[in-house]
Amino acid sequence: MTEAVIPALLLAAPNAVNKLWRRSLFLQSGVRFPDRQWFEDLATVPRLYLRAGTIRAFSRPWYRYLRRPGSITNSAGIERNREMLASVAAVWDDCAALGRTARLHDELEAMAAYHELLTSVTRVNLLDPKSPVQDALREDFLARFPNWRQNPYLRRWPKKHRLLARLIVRRRYGLVHLIMTANRRLRG
């Protein structure tokens, strides 16, 4: 694997279920999945990418994804969305420890924007558009990435994503709720 592959991997979905890892990667790196934490894949998979010497892809599907009613994706635990902060911080801190934050800043910023703003804030917003958890996620993102509007990856996001991010940053949670509710109804 070349260093050029890492940025693309940081922008990919950090799902652990569709990956096989060598045990030695965990033993040598000390990276572990956090115990009983939401967003554990985000806290772990990108950190393993940073340390993997070789990554291979297979075109054959080896896994069939099943959505369960009690899964995190379908859960209503508003406060648990704060755990996203620890996952983003783990990746950022690990990149800093490895001396890679400057080189991977745009990718880390795009990853955090997607997961903190578009995923977690919108999930919380659909459940309670007045929840203070939205502000906690928003403030963490803005403190770490104050110049996010300059990010080349975010500029290429679909218009809907860019609009939602701008509304969230401006704390227009009522409009976010209206858009997300309408979108959910249109999709059935």
Protein backbone atom coordinates (compact mmCIF):
# COMPACT_ATOMS: atom_id res chain seq x y z
CA MET A 1 0.00 0.00 0.00
CA THR A 2 1.25 3.46 -0.78
CA GLU A 3 0.78 6.57 1.34
CA ALA A 4 -1.41 7.96 -1.48
CA VAL A 5 -4.19 5.46 -0.64
CA ILE A 6 -4.67 6.66 2.97
CA PRO A 7 -6.57 9.90 2.13
CA ALA A 8 -9.19 8.02 0.13
CA LEU A 9 -9.59 5.46 2.91
CA LEU A 10 -10.18 8.21 5.48
CA LEU A 11 -13.05 9.47 3.33
CA ALA A 12 -14.63 6.02 2.99
CA ALA A 13 -17.23 4.63 5.37
CA PRO A 14 -15.33 3.26 8.38
CA ASN A 15 -17.35 0.06 8.64
CA ALA A 16 -15.46 -2.73 10.36
CA VAL A 17 -17.86 -5.50 9.35
CA ASN A 18 -16.62 -5.69 5.76
CA LYS A 19 -12.93 -5.94 6.62
CA LEU A 20 -10.53 -8.64 7.73
CA TRP A 21 -7.60 -7.58 9.90
CA ARG A 22 -4.44 -9.36 10.88
CA ARG A 23 -4.29 -9.97 14.60
CA SER A 24 -0.71 -8.69 14.61
CA LEU A 25 -1.91 -5.23 13.51
CA PHE A 26 -3.91 -4.93 16.73
CA LEU A 27 -1.14 -6.41 18.86
CA GLN A 28 1.63 -4.22 17.43
CA SER A 29 -0.34 -0.98 17.28
CA GLY A 30 -2.26 -1.21 20.55
CA VAL A 31 -5.35 0.08 18.70
CA ARG A 32 -8.53 -1.44 20.07
CA PHE A 33 -12.24 -1.02 19.52
CA PRO A 34 -13.54 1.08 22.41
CA ASP A 35 -15.66 -0.93 24.80
CA ARG A 36 -19.38 -0.12 24.82
CA GLN A 37 -18.96 3.08 22.81
CA TRP A 38 -21.08 4.18 19.90
CA PHE A 39 -19.19 4.95 16.68
CA GLU A 40 -16.50 2.44 17.61
CA ASP A 41 -15.76 1.74 13.95
CA LEU A 42 -14.89 5.39 13.35
CA ALA A 43 -12.65 5.41 16.44
CA THR A 44 -10.77 2.34 15.21
CA VAL A 45 -10.82 1.66 11.46
CA PRO A 46 -9.09 4.88 10.28
CA ARG A 47 -6.41 4.39 12.95
CA LEU A 48 -5.75 0.89 11.64
CA TYR A 49 -5.51 2.22 8.08
CA LEU A 50 -2.75 4.55 9.22
CA ARG A 51 -0.73 1.57 10.41
CA ALA A 52 -1.52 -1.12 7.85
CA GLY A 53 1.37 -2.04 5.63
CA THR A 54 -0.82 -3.75 3.04
CA ILE A 55 -4.46 -3.36 2.14
CA ARG A 56 -6.20 -5.56 -0.39
CA ALA A 57 -9.70 -5.34 -1.81
CA PHE A 58 -11.90 -8.16 -3.04
CA SER A 59 -14.73 -7.70 -5.50
CA ARG A 60 -16.69 -10.67 -4.17
CA PRO A 61 -19.17 -9.83 -1.38
CA TRP A 62 -18.36 -11.78 1.76
CA TYR A 63 -20.86 -10.11 4.03
CA ARG A 64 -24.56 -9.39 3.95
CA TYR A 65 -25.61 -6.34 5.96
CA LEU A 66 -28.69 -6.56 8.14
CA ARG A 67 -30.36 -3.54 9.73
CA ARG A 68 -31.77 -4.35 13.14
CA PRO A 69 -34.36 -2.24 14.97
CA GLY A 70 -32.07 -1.92 18.03
CA SER A 71 -28.91 -0.99 16.11
CA ILE A 72 -27.09 2.31 16.59
CA THR A 73 -28.26 3.42 13.15
CA ASN A 74 -31.85 2.99 14.26
CA SER A 75 -31.43 3.98 17.89
CA ALA A 76 -33.05 6.91 19.62
CA GLY A 77 -30.33 7.45 22.25
CA ILE A 78 -29.80 11.17 21.75
CA GLU A 79 -27.15 11.55 24.46
CA ARG A 80 -25.12 8.65 23.09
CA ASN A 81 -24.42 10.75 19.99
CA ARG A 82 -21.93 12.69 22.13
CA GLU A 83 -19.72 9.63 21.85
CA MET A 84 -18.99 10.75 18.29
CA LEU A 85 -16.72 13.38 19.87
CA ALA A 86 -14.46 10.72 21.37
CA SER A 87 -14.27 8.84 18.08
CA VAL A 88 -13.28 11.91 16.06
CA ALA A 89 -10.79 12.92 18.75
CA ALA A 90 -9.22 9.44 18.75
CA VAL A 91 -8.52 9.62 15.02
CA TRP A 92 -7.26 13.21 15.22
CA ASP A 93 -5.02 12.48 18.23
CA ASP A 94 -3.64 9.36 16.58
CA CYS A 95 -2.80 11.28 13.40
CA ALA A 96 -1.10 13.93 15.51
CA ALA A 97 0.92 11.29 17.38
CA LEU A 98 2.02 9.85 14.04
CA GLY A 99 2.87 13.33 12.69
CA ARG A 100 0.27 13.17 9.93
CA THR A 101 -2.32 15.85 10.76
CA ALA A 102 -0.84 18.44 8.42
CA ARG A 103 -0.70 16.02 5.50
CA LEU A 104 -4.17 14.58 6.14
CA HIS A 105 -5.92 17.71 7.44
CA ASP A 106 -8.43 18.04 4.58
CA GLU A 107 -9.40 14.38 4.81
CA LEU A 108 -9.72 14.49 8.61
CA GLU A 109 -11.82 17.64 8.34
CA ALA A 110 -14.13 16.11 5.72
CA MET A 111 -14.43 12.93 7.78
CA ALA A 112 -15.35 14.92 10.91
CA ALA A 113 -17.81 17.13 9.01
CA TYR A 114 -19.59 14.13 7.60
CA HIS A 115 -19.78 12.17 10.84
CA GLU A 116 -20.28 14.98 13.37
CA LEU A 117 -22.49 17.33 11.37
CA LEU A 118 -24.29 15.33 8.72
CA THR A 119 -24.65 12.03 10.54
CA SER A 120 -24.88 12.75 14.25
CA VAL A 121 -26.45 16.21 14.27
CA THR A 122 -29.11 15.21 11.75
CA ARG A 123 -29.85 11.98 13.69
CA VAL A 124 -30.29 13.99 16.90
CA ASN A 125 -32.23 16.70 15.10
CA LEU A 126 -34.81 14.26 13.77
CA LEU A 127 -35.47 13.10 17.33
CA ASP A 128 -35.34 16.48 19.08
CA PRO A 129 -34.56 19.68 17.12
CA LYS A 130 -33.94 21.51 20.42
CA SER A 131 -31.44 19.04 21.86
CA PRO A 132 -28.21 20.59 23.20
CA VAL A 133 -26.32 17.59 21.81
CA GLN A 134 -26.46 19.29 18.40
CA ASP A 135 -24.53 22.26 19.78
CA ALA A 136 -21.94 20.02 21.44
CA LEU A 137 -21.23 18.28 18.12
CA ARG A 138 -21.26 21.56 16.19
CA GLU A 139 -18.96 23.33 18.65
CA ASP A 140 -16.46 20.46 18.67
CA PHE A 141 -16.29 20.49 14.89
CA LEU A 142 -15.92 24.27 14.63
CA ALA A 143 -13.27 24.40 17.37
CA ARG A 144 -11.16 21.82 15.56
CA PHE A 145 -11.89 23.04 12.01
CA PRO A 146 -12.69 26.77 11.94
CA ASN A 147 -11.83 27.11 8.23
CA TRP A 148 -13.97 24.19 7.09
CA ARG A 149 -15.53 26.15 4.21
CA GLN A 150 -12.18 26.06 2.39
CA ASN A 151 -12.06 22.26 2.36
CA PRO A 152 -11.87 20.92 -1.23
CA TYR A 153 -13.78 17.75 -0.35
CA LEU A 154 -16.64 19.62 1.26
CA ARG A 155 -16.89 21.92 -1.74
CA ARG A 156 -17.61 18.82 -3.84
CA TRP A 157 -20.34 17.53 -1.54
CA PRO A 158 -23.84 17.35 -3.02
CA LYS A 159 -25.81 20.58 -2.64
CA LYS A 160 -28.07 19.00 -0.01
CA HIS A 161 -25.08 18.14 2.19
CA ARG A 162 -23.54 21.59 1.81
CA LEU A 163 -26.87 23.21 2.68
CA LEU A 164 -27.34 21.05 5.77
CA ALA A 165 -23.79 21.76 6.96
CA ARG A 166 -24.29 25.52 6.55
CA LEU A 167 -27.62 25.41 8.38
CA ILE A 168 -26.12 23.37 11.23
CA VAL A 169 -23.15 25.72 11.58
CA ARG A 170 -25.59 28.67 11.71
CA ARG A 171 -27.66 26.78 14.32
CA ARG A 172 -30.75 26.76 12.10
CA TYR A 173 -31.91 23.49 13.61
CA GLY A 174 -35.59 24.13 12.84
CA LEU A 175 -34.84 24.28 9.12
CA VAL A 176 -32.63 21.21 9.37
CA HIS A 177 -35.51 19.38 11.03
CA LEU A 178 -37.94 20.50 8.33
CA ILE A 179 -35.61 19.35 5.53
CA MET A 180 -34.79 16.03 7.17
CA THR A 181 -38.43 15.29 8.00
CA ALA A 182 -39.52 16.11 4.44
CA ASN A 183 -36.70 13.97 3.05
CA ARG A 184 -37.68 11.05 5.26
CA ARG A 185 -41.33 11.31 4.15
CA LEU A 186 -40.38 11.49 0.47
CA ARG A 187 -38.22 8.39 0.80
CA GLY A 188 -41.01 6.53 2.56
